């Protein structure tokens, strides 16, 4: 025979959060241990943390403090703020937040904290259930907790944010320098992306600066838009017909790329001095080489662009 589960209102089981539920959890911490997979011991109830009182403070296997905040109601911003204050005040690295109902924004916040900080956050839903006519029993369900996958996502997000910031700084310095050398690209603002671009006087044709971690590129890019493969290739071939003359004016060989796996084509030169991940002390040298190459590339291509059919 299979029994039927019914849910019981939490306040019927624990009338007072601090006096009843917190006291029960203190005496039955093993129930929580199974959920968070942490061996909690040396439980202290209502421990002071600055001007606040923490519901429960425990120790993990390493003797580090763990804060436990109980809320027999829907999660709110006030309790989330308290948790952050408790972590700071007690120097804890693990926080457990037990609620009867978790708001979506708090689930997102706890997930973000696990990805973005060194601390571990657990958001747990507490319910009271009965099986047929049994006595009420607690049901704790982990909603959000730390994970290796989450940490990896956090590291990746941090790396992306750092990459964006570095590239923005790199382009800022480049744009300031090129204003002293050429008007091309001088009306642009720095971006976080891996390239900056300006038109070459005909729609779909552009002069680009591009950057990777350890290399930089100066290129003429041909992309007339959707379904323009044949037109792009036609422009590329018209320019390629004058390859010898163009490279003579440029002052060296260029990399002519049809990019058969894409609809675009490009003519590129590579700056091997370094990229945005190299020592910032090298950036000015890289900028000088990029701007000088762009000036030569525009000079070599401009007469031929005007003759395009």
Protein backbone atom coordinates (compact mmCIF):
# COMPACT_ATOMS: atom_id res chain seq x y z
CA UNK A 1 0.00 0.00 0.00
CA UNK A 2 1.27 3.45 -0.94
CA UNK A 3 0.51 6.40 1.34
CA UNK A 4 -0.62 9.83 0.25
CA UNK A 5 1.51 12.89 0.93
CA UNK A 6 -0.20 16.06 2.10
CA UNK A 7 1.47 19.36 2.86
CA UNK A 8 1.05 21.06 6.20
CA UNK A 9 1.31 24.81 6.74
CA UNK A 10 4.68 25.53 8.29
CA UNK A 11 3.21 27.63 11.08
CA UNK A 12 1.16 24.66 12.21
CA UNK A 13 4.38 22.78 12.83
CA UNK A 14 6.66 25.61 13.98
CA UNK A 15 4.59 28.49 15.28
CA UNK A 16 7.57 30.76 15.91
CA UNK A 17 10.52 30.89 13.53
CA UNK A 18 13.26 31.62 16.08
CA UNK A 19 11.87 29.77 19.10
CA UNK A 20 10.56 26.71 17.28
CA UNK A 21 12.04 26.16 13.81
CA UNK A 22 15.55 27.44 14.56
CA UNK A 23 15.63 25.43 17.79
CA UNK A 24 14.44 22.31 15.93
CA UNK A 25 17.12 22.78 13.24
CA UNK A 26 19.78 23.21 15.90
CA UNK A 27 18.79 19.84 17.40
CA UNK A 28 18.45 18.13 14.01
CA UNK A 29 21.35 19.58 12.04
CA UNK A 30 21.98 16.17 10.44
CA UNK A 31 18.88 16.75 8.29
CA UNK A 32 20.59 19.81 6.81
CA UNK A 33 23.94 18.03 6.50
CA UNK A 34 22.39 15.53 4.10
CA UNK A 35 21.08 18.32 1.85
CA UNK A 36 24.24 20.46 1.61
CA UNK A 37 26.69 17.56 1.91
CA UNK A 38 28.69 19.44 4.53
CA UNK A 39 29.38 18.07 8.00
CA UNK A 40 28.11 20.89 10.24
CA UNK A 41 28.86 20.84 13.97
CA UNK A 42 29.26 23.10 17.03
CA UNK A 43 25.96 24.85 16.40
CA UNK A 44 25.37 28.22 18.05
CA UNK A 45 21.93 29.85 18.02
CA UNK A 46 21.42 33.61 17.68
CA UNK A 47 25.09 34.52 17.52
CA UNK A 48 25.93 38.20 17.24
CA UNK A 49 27.35 39.60 14.01
CA UNK A 50 27.87 43.33 14.41
CA UNK A 51 24.48 44.90 15.05
CA UNK A 52 22.67 41.76 13.86
CA UNK A 53 21.88 38.32 15.22
CA UNK A 54 22.50 35.26 13.05
CA UNK A 55 19.89 32.51 13.39
CA UNK A 56 22.51 29.75 13.50
CA UNK A 57 26.28 29.62 13.15
CA UNK A 58 27.98 26.25 12.68
CA UNK A 59 31.41 24.98 11.77
CA UNK A 60 32.35 22.91 8.73
CA UNK A 61 34.89 20.06 8.65
CA UNK A 62 37.74 22.60 8.64
CA UNK A 63 36.42 24.57 11.57
CA UNK A 64 35.35 27.46 9.34
CA UNK A 65 32.15 29.33 10.27
CA UNK A 66 28.95 28.60 8.37
CA UNK A 67 25.96 30.92 8.67
CA UNK A 68 22.38 29.65 8.49
CA UNK A 69 19.52 32.09 7.99
CA UNK A 70 15.96 30.84 8.36
CA UNK A 71 12.89 32.42 6.84
CA UNK A 72 9.53 30.63 7.15
CA UNK A 73 8.09 32.81 4.42
CA UNK A 74 8.88 33.95 0.91
CA UNK A 75 12.46 35.10 0.38
CA UNK A 76 13.04 38.85 0.44
CA UNK A 77 15.80 41.35 -0.21
CA UNK A 78 16.22 42.13 3.50
CA UNK A 79 17.32 38.60 4.34
CA UNK A 80 19.63 38.44 1.34
CA UNK A 81 21.27 41.65 2.55
CA UNK A 82 21.60 40.20 6.05
CA UNK A 83 23.31 37.11 4.70
CA UNK A 84 25.91 39.21 2.91
CA UNK A 85 26.49 41.24 6.08
CA UNK A 86 26.87 38.09 8.19
CA UNK A 87 29.44 36.62 5.82
CA UNK A 88 31.54 39.74 6.08
CA UNK A 89 31.16 40.14 9.84
CA UNK A 90 32.04 36.53 10.68
CA UNK A 91 34.49 35.84 7.86
CA UNK A 92 32.38 32.88 6.75
CA UNK A 93 32.71 31.18 3.38
CA UNK A 94 29.46 29.20 3.42
CA UNK A 95 25.95 30.63 3.71
CA UNK A 96 22.74 28.59 3.92
CA UNK A 97 19.41 30.36 3.38
CA UNK A 98 16.28 28.35 4.22
CA UNK A 99 12.95 29.73 2.95
CA UNK A 100 9.40 28.50 2.40
CA UNK A 101 9.29 29.99 -1.10
CA UNK A 102 12.16 31.35 -3.18
CA UNK A 103 11.55 34.31 -5.48
CA UNK A 104 12.98 33.87 -8.99
CA UNK A 105 15.19 36.93 -8.59
CA UNK A 106 16.74 35.45 -5.45
CA UNK A 107 17.39 32.12 -7.17
CA UNK A 108 19.19 34.08 -9.88
CA UNK A 109 21.10 36.12 -7.30
CA UNK A 110 22.32 33.05 -5.40
CA UNK A 111 23.37 31.39 -8.65
CA UNK A 112 25.30 34.52 -9.60
CA UNK A 113 26.99 34.67 -6.19
CA UNK A 114 28.14 31.07 -6.55
CA UNK A 115 29.59 31.86 -9.96
CA UNK A 116 31.18 35.17 -9.01
CA UNK A 117 32.49 34.87 -5.45
CA UNK A 118 34.76 32.58 -3.47
CA UNK A 119 31.96 31.81 -0.98
CA UNK A 120 29.43 28.98 -1.33
CA UNK A 121 25.73 29.81 -1.15
CA UNK A 122 22.87 27.36 -0.62
CA UNK A 123 19.21 28.27 -1.12
CA UNK A 124 16.91 25.64 0.40
CA UNK A 125 13.12 25.28 0.37
CA UNK A 126 11.52 23.98 3.58
CA UNK A 127 8.13 22.28 3.65
CA UNK A 128 6.20 20.20 6.17
CA UNK A 129 4.47 17.05 4.96
CA UNK A 130 2.39 14.19 6.30
CA UNK A 131 1.92 10.71 4.89
CA UNK A 132 -1.68 9.73 5.51
CA UNK A 133 -2.23 10.38 9.23
CA UNK A 134 1.41 10.48 10.27
CA UNK A 135 3.03 13.20 12.30
CA UNK A 136 4.34 16.15 10.26
CA UNK A 137 7.87 15.80 8.93
CA UNK A 138 10.26 18.34 7.40
CA UNK A 139 11.07 18.23 3.70
CA UNK A 140 14.16 20.20 2.70
CA UNK A 141 14.87 20.67 -1.00
CA UNK A 142 18.03 22.22 -2.42
CA UNK A 143 17.08 24.90 -4.95
CA UNK A 144 20.50 26.35 -5.69
CA UNK A 145 23.94 25.37 -4.48
CA UNK A 146 27.58 25.68 -5.52
CA UNK A 147 28.94 23.38 -8.24
CA UNK A 148 32.09 22.89 -10.27
CA UNK A 149 30.12 23.78 -13.39
CA UNK A 150 28.94 27.01 -11.79
CA UNK A 151 32.46 27.92 -10.73
CA UNK A 152 33.69 27.25 -14.27
CA UNK A 153 30.96 29.47 -15.69
CA UNK A 154 31.94 32.18 -13.22
CA UNK A 155 35.59 31.97 -14.24
CA UNK A 156 34.60 32.17 -17.89
CA UNK A 157 32.36 35.18 -17.30
CA UNK A 158 35.13 36.90 -15.36
CA UNK A 159 37.58 36.19 -18.18
CA UNK A 160 35.16 37.62 -20.75
CA UNK A 161 34.56 40.75 -18.66
CA UNK A 162 38.32 41.23 -18.21
CA UNK A 163 38.86 40.68 -21.94
CA UNK A 164 36.25 43.31 -22.80
CA UNK A 165 37.83 45.82 -20.43
CA UNK A 166 41.36 45.25 -21.78
CA UNK A 167 40.24 45.56 -25.41
CA UNK A 168 38.33 48.75 -24.67
CA UNK A 169 41.48 50.20 -23.12
CA UNK A 170 43.57 49.00 -26.10
CA UNK A 171 41.25 50.65 -28.65
CA UNK A 172 41.08 53.86 -26.61
CA UNK A 173 44.83 54.27 -26.84
CA UNK A 174 44.93 53.30 -30.52
CA UNK A 175 42.23 55.81 -31.47
CA UNK A 176 43.99 58.58 -29.58
CA UNK A 177 47.24 57.82 -31.38
CA UNK A 178 45.82 57.49 -34.89
CA UNK A 179 44.18 60.94 -34.66
CA UNK A 180 47.71 62.35 -34.87
CA UNK A 181 48.43 60.36 -38.06
CA UNK A 182 45.27 59.96 -40.17
CA UNK A 183 41.61 60.93 -40.36
CA UNK A 184 40.61 57.35 -41.15
CA UNK A 185 38.81 55.87 -38.10
CA UNK A 186 39.20 59.20 -36.25
CA UNK A 187 35.44 59.55 -35.72
CA UNK A 188 35.11 56.22 -33.93
CA UNK A 189 34.69 55.53 -30.23
CA UNK A 190 36.43 52.65 -28.41
CA UNK A 191 34.55 49.35 -28.15
CA UNK A 192 34.93 46.08 -26.27
CA UNK A 193 34.98 43.93 -29.39
CA UNK A 194 37.93 42.39 -31.20
CA UNK A 195 37.80 44.82 -34.11
CA UNK A 196 36.92 48.38 -35.11
CA UNK A 197 35.78 49.30 -38.59
CA UNK A 198 35.16 52.27 -40.84
CA UNK A 199 33.71 52.49 -44.35
CA UNK A 200 35.88 52.63 -47.47
CA UNK A 201 33.50 54.92 -49.39
CA UNK A 202 31.35 52.13 -50.87
CA UNK A 203 28.67 50.25 -48.96
CA UNK A 204 29.91 46.88 -47.77
CA UNK A 205 33.59 47.74 -48.05
CA UNK A 206 35.51 48.64 -44.92
CA UNK A 207 38.92 49.11 -43.38
CA UNK A 208 39.29 47.14 -40.15
CA UNK A 209 41.67 46.98 -37.25
CA UNK A 210 41.47 43.57 -35.53
CA UNK A 211 43.16 42.24 -32.43
CA UNK A 212 43.72 38.86 -30.76
CA UNK A 213 45.56 38.03 -27.57
CA UNK A 214 49.00 38.04 -29.18
CA UNK A 215 48.58 39.37 -32.73
CA UNK A 216 47.02 42.32 -34.51
CA UNK A 217 45.63 42.71 -38.02
CA UNK A 218 44.95 45.47 -40.51
CA UNK A 219 42.55 44.53 -43.29
CA UNK A 220 40.27 45.56 -46.10
CA UNK A 221 36.97 43.71 -45.72
CA UNK A 222 34.44 42.95 -48.45
CA UNK A 223 30.90 42.05 -47.40
CA UNK A 224 27.98 43.47 -49.36
CA UNK A 225 25.45 41.70 -47.18
CA UNK A 226 23.11 38.75 -47.49
CA UNK A 227 23.22 36.79 -50.77
CA UNK A 228 26.23 38.84 -51.90
CA UNK A 229 28.73 35.99 -52.32
CA UNK A 230 29.18 36.50 -56.06
CA UNK A 231 29.43 40.28 -55.78
CA UNK A 232 31.97 40.02 -52.97
CA UNK A 233 34.07 37.61 -54.99
CA UNK A 234 33.83 39.83 -58.07
CA UNK A 235 35.19 42.81 -56.14
CA UNK A 236 37.92 40.66 -54.64
CA UNK A 237 38.99 39.37 -58.07
CA UNK A 238 39.04 42.87 -59.56
CA UNK A 239 41.43 43.96 -56.84
CA UNK A 240 43.44 40.74 -57.06
CA UNK A 241 44.00 41.44 -60.77
CA UNK A 242 46.08 44.42 -59.61
CA UNK A 243 47.81 42.49 -56.82
CA UNK A 244 51.34 43.26 -57.96
CA UNK A 245 50.69 47.00 -58.20
CA UNK A 246 48.79 47.10 -54.88
CA UNK A 247 51.51 45.25 -53.00
CA UNK A 248 54.17 47.45 -54.55
CA UNK A 249 52.42 50.58 -53.26
CA UNK A 250 51.77 48.91 -49.92
CA UNK A 251 55.42 48.01 -49.62
CA UNK A 252 55.18 44.27 -49.09
CA UNK A 253 53.07 41.13 -49.56
CA UNK A 254 49.46 40.98 -48.43
CA UNK A 255 47.33 38.02 -47.42
CA UNK A 256 44.54 37.68 -50.01
CA UNK A 257 41.72 35.63 -48.49
CA UNK A 258 38.62 34.54 -50.40
CA UNK A 259 37.15 33.05 -47.17
CA UNK A 260 35.30 30.34 -49.05
CA UNK A 261 33.56 29.15 -45.88
CA UNK A 262 32.03 32.64 -45.49
CA UNK A 263 30.38 35.04 -47.88
CA UNK A 264 33.01 37.74 -47.25
CA UNK A 265 36.54 38.26 -48.62
CA UNK A 266 39.44 40.25 -47.19
CA UNK A 267 42.93 41.54 -47.83
CA UNK A 268 44.98 41.47 -44.66
CA UNK A 269 48.37 42.09 -43.15
CA UNK A 270 49.44 40.70 -39.77
CA UNK A 271 51.23 42.65 -37.04
CA UNK A 272 53.29 40.09 -35.14
CA UNK A 273 54.64 42.41 -32.45
CA UNK A 274 51.90 41.43 -30.03
CA UNK A 275 48.23 41.69 -29.05
CA UNK A 276 46.02 42.98 -26.27
CA UNK A 277 47.21 40.34 -23.76
CA UNK A 278 50.85 41.38 -24.14
CA UNK A 279 52.53 43.84 -21.81
CA UNK A 280 50.81 47.22 -22.04
CA UNK A 281 54.24 48.78 -22.39
CA UNK A 282 54.33 47.24 -25.90
CA UNK A 283 50.94 48.65 -26.91
CA UNK A 284 52.29 51.90 -28.32
CA UNK A 285 54.68 49.99 -30.56
CA UNK A 286 51.78 47.80 -31.71
CA UNK A 287 49.60 50.89 -32.32
CA UNK A 288 52.33 52.54 -34.37
CA UNK A 289 52.71 49.45 -36.55
CA UNK A 290 48.93 49.07 -37.01
CA UNK A 291 48.32 52.70 -37.95
CA UNK A 292 51.31 52.81 -40.29
CA UNK A 293 50.10 49.61 -42.01
CA UNK A 294 46.56 50.98 -42.31
CA UNK A 295 47.80 54.20 -43.94
CA UNK A 296 49.80 52.17 -46.48
CA UNK A 297 46.89 49.78 -47.11
CA UNK A 298 44.44 52.60 -47.78
CA UNK A 299 46.95 54.33 -50.06
CA UNK A 300 47.45 51.12 -52.05
CA UNK A 301 43.77 50.20 -52.38
CA UNK A 302 42.04 53.56 -52.69
CA UNK A 303 42.81 54.15 -56.44
CA UNK A 304 41.66 50.62 -57.28
CA UNK A 305 38.46 50.92 -55.23
CA UNK A 306 37.46 53.95 -57.28
CA UNK A 307 37.78 51.87 -60.46
CA UNK A 308 35.58 49.01 -59.24
CA UNK A 309 32.74 47.92 -61.50
